[in-house]
Protein backbone atom coordinates (compact mmCIF):
# COMPACT_ATOMS: atom_id res chain seq x y z
CA MET A 1 4.40 75.63 33.36
CA ASP A 2 2.97 72.76 35.44
CA PHE A 3 5.67 70.63 37.11
CA LYS A 4 4.47 67.45 35.41
CA VAL A 5 4.88 69.19 32.05
CA ILE A 6 8.40 70.23 33.06
CA ALA A 7 9.22 66.63 34.05
CA GLU A 8 7.79 65.28 30.80
CA ASN A 9 9.74 67.80 28.69
CA ARG A 10 13.11 67.83 30.45
CA GLN A 11 15.64 65.57 28.79
CA SER A 12 19.40 65.39 28.43
CA CYS A 13 20.17 67.59 25.47
CA ARG A 14 22.97 66.37 23.27
CA SER A 15 22.58 68.84 20.42
CA TYR A 16 22.76 72.54 21.26
CA ASP A 17 22.42 75.55 18.98
CA PRO A 18 25.87 77.16 19.34
CA THR A 19 24.65 80.38 17.70
CA LYS A 20 22.06 81.11 20.39
CA ALA A 21 23.33 82.47 23.70
CA VAL A 22 21.36 82.17 26.94
CA GLU A 23 19.93 85.55 27.91
CA LYS A 24 21.17 87.04 31.18
CA GLU A 25 17.61 87.25 32.54
CA LYS A 26 17.09 83.52 32.01
CA LEU A 27 20.48 82.66 33.48
CA ASP A 28 19.67 84.83 36.50
CA ALA A 29 16.31 83.03 36.90
CA VAL A 30 18.05 79.64 36.83
CA ILE A 31 20.50 80.79 39.51
CA GLU A 32 17.66 82.21 41.62
CA ALA A 33 15.89 78.83 41.49
CA ALA A 34 19.19 77.27 42.61
CA ARG A 35 19.36 79.72 45.52
CA LEU A 36 15.90 78.58 46.61
CA ALA A 37 16.74 74.85 46.52
CA PRO A 38 16.38 73.18 49.92
CA SER A 39 19.41 71.73 51.67
CA ALA A 40 20.10 69.99 54.97
CA CYS A 41 19.94 72.62 57.74
CA ASN A 42 19.87 75.26 55.00
CA ALA A 43 23.64 74.79 54.71
CA GLN A 44 23.81 75.07 50.91
CA PRO A 45 27.12 73.14 51.04
CA TYR A 46 28.12 73.81 47.44
CA ARG A 47 29.55 76.37 45.10
CA ILE A 48 28.01 77.21 41.75
CA THR A 49 30.40 78.48 39.09
CA VAL A 50 28.71 79.78 35.95
CA CYS A 51 31.01 79.61 32.94
CA THR A 52 30.35 81.42 29.67
CA ASP A 53 32.39 82.23 26.59
CA ASN A 54 36.00 80.96 26.80
CA ALA A 55 35.52 79.51 30.28
CA ALA A 56 32.52 77.49 29.06
CA ALA A 57 34.57 76.20 26.13
CA ASP A 58 37.42 75.23 28.46
CA VAL A 59 35.09 73.43 30.89
CA ALA A 60 33.35 71.66 28.00
CA LYS A 61 36.72 70.43 26.77
CA ALA A 62 37.45 69.11 30.28
CA THR A 63 34.34 66.88 30.00
CA GLN A 64 35.37 65.30 26.71
CA SER A 65 38.11 62.75 27.42
CA MET A 66 37.83 59.34 25.80
CA GLY A 67 35.32 60.66 23.26
CA MET A 68 32.66 61.56 25.83
CA ASN A 69 30.34 64.58 25.79
CA LYS A 70 31.36 65.94 22.36
CA PHE A 71 28.11 67.94 22.27
CA ALA A 72 29.13 69.97 25.35
CA SER A 73 31.18 72.35 23.20
CA GLN A 74 27.94 73.55 21.59
CA ALA A 75 26.37 74.66 24.91
CA SER A 76 26.73 78.37 25.61
CA VAL A 77 26.90 77.92 29.40
CA MET A 78 28.55 75.35 31.63
CA ILE A 79 27.50 75.32 35.28
CA VAL A 80 30.04 73.73 37.59
CA LEU A 81 28.77 72.38 40.91
CA SER A 82 31.45 71.82 43.52
CA GLU A 83 31.47 71.01 47.20
CA GLY A 84 31.23 73.80 49.74
CA ALA A 85 31.35 73.89 53.51
CA TYR A 86 28.57 72.65 55.75
CA ASN A 87 27.20 74.92 58.43
CA THR A 88 27.79 73.74 62.02
CA THR A 89 24.45 71.93 62.34
CA ALA A 90 24.74 70.06 59.03
CA ALA A 91 28.37 69.16 59.76
CA ALA A 92 27.39 67.67 63.12
CA GLY A 93 24.44 65.80 61.60
CA SER A 94 26.60 64.42 58.81
CA LYS A 95 29.20 63.16 61.28
CA ILE A 96 26.68 61.67 63.73
CA LYS A 97 24.53 60.01 61.06
CA LYS A 98 27.48 59.08 58.83
CA ASN A 99 25.64 60.54 55.84
CA ASP A 100 27.15 62.90 53.28
CA TYR A 101 24.31 65.38 52.99
CA ARG A 102 26.35 67.38 50.46
CA SER A 103 25.71 64.75 47.79
CA VAL A 104 21.99 64.83 48.48
CA ASP A 105 21.93 68.62 48.48
CA ILE A 106 23.85 68.83 45.21
CA GLY A 107 21.34 66.40 43.69
CA ILE A 108 18.43 68.59 44.82
CA LEU A 109 20.24 71.68 43.52
CA THR A 110 20.71 69.99 40.16
CA ALA A 111 17.01 69.16 39.97
CA TYR A 112 16.05 72.77 40.66
CA ILE A 113 18.50 74.10 38.06
CA THR A 114 17.38 71.70 35.33
CA ALA A 115 13.66 72.13 36.09
CA GLN A 116 13.87 75.94 35.99
CA ALA A 117 15.89 75.81 32.80
CA THR A 118 13.25 73.60 31.18
CA ALA A 119 10.46 75.93 32.32
CA LEU A 120 12.31 78.78 30.58
CA GLY A 121 12.69 76.90 27.30
CA LEU A 122 16.37 76.06 27.88
CA SER A 123 17.95 72.64 27.62
CA THR A 124 20.40 70.91 29.95
CA CYS A 125 22.57 67.86 30.25
CA ILE A 126 23.98 66.73 33.59
CA LEU A 127 27.57 65.60 33.13
CA GLY A 128 29.35 63.30 35.54
CA TRP A 129 32.29 62.53 33.23
CA PHE A 130 34.91 65.26 33.61
CA ASP A 131 38.48 66.07 34.60
CA ASP A 132 38.10 67.35 38.16
CA LYS A 133 41.64 68.70 38.38
CA GLN A 134 41.33 70.62 35.09
CA ILE A 135 37.95 72.13 35.94
CA ARG A 136 39.20 73.15 39.39
CA LYS A 137 42.05 74.96 37.67
CA ILE A 138 39.78 76.68 35.12
CA CYS A 139 37.32 77.79 37.83
CA SER A 140 39.87 78.46 40.61
CA LEU A 141 38.20 75.93 42.92
CA ASP A 142 39.70 74.31 46.01
CA SER A 143 36.93 71.72 46.50
CA PRO A 144 35.93 68.68 44.45
CA VAL A 145 33.72 69.21 41.43
CA ARG A 146 30.66 66.96 41.69
CA LEU A 147 28.67 67.71 38.52
CA VAL A 148 28.75 69.92 35.45
CA ILE A 149 25.56 71.04 33.74
CA ALA A 150 25.62 71.99 30.07
CA LEU A 151 23.01 74.71 29.48
CA GLY A 152 21.77 76.32 26.31
CA TYR A 153 19.17 76.17 23.59
CA ALA A 154 18.61 72.84 21.91
CA SER A 155 19.20 72.73 18.18
CA ALA A 156 16.10 72.46 16.00
CA ASP A 157 16.77 68.77 15.33
CA ASP A 158 16.89 67.83 19.05
CA LYS A 159 13.35 66.49 19.32
CA LEU A 160 11.68 65.31 22.51
CA ARG A 161 12.41 61.60 22.94
CA GLU A 162 10.11 59.03 24.48
CA LYS A 163 10.97 58.54 28.15
CA LYS A 164 12.10 55.03 28.99
CA ARG A 165 11.28 54.52 32.64
CA LYS A 166 10.48 51.60 34.90
CA GLN A 167 6.88 50.98 35.79
CA THR A 168 6.02 52.53 39.16
CA SER A 169 5.38 49.07 40.62
CA GLU A 170 9.04 48.17 39.97
CA PHE A 171 10.41 50.74 42.43
CA VAL A 172 7.60 52.03 44.68
CA ASN A 173 6.09 50.27 47.69
CA PHE A 174 3.09 51.63 49.56
CA ILE A 175 2.94 50.61 53.22
CA SER A 176 0.15 51.37 55.69
């Protein structure tokens, strides 16, 4: 699939088919794409925790306070992205430049995961609303959770929506 087609077809799924599990081969392909994601100094300063079955249900519940993310319970997989350690070079660069490269790297990682999932016919939703303490407990994590990605097959009624985006001229400057 051409990347532009992936970008045009990827959307935040809010209606999953709870009867259709993600095949292991597809899940492995998504994780392999994540492994290949670039990061500052190749540090890969994150942990990926793939939750299925009861763990996925527990993580989904931990994203649903105040009525948020009700659809997450329908997703067959929840991918938890948490902070990991920098390597020595990235740690030094982060300190010297006063830039948290982990956040950038987790963003890139998220893009790779969601793009590969879309290319495989899977749907995703990136969740930033969650109970960090509860998810850390479920996943036995010592570091902060930064994002959770709901992953599964969209239900038949989850149609592709028109993308509402700014015009390029509103956020891009070309300088010579």
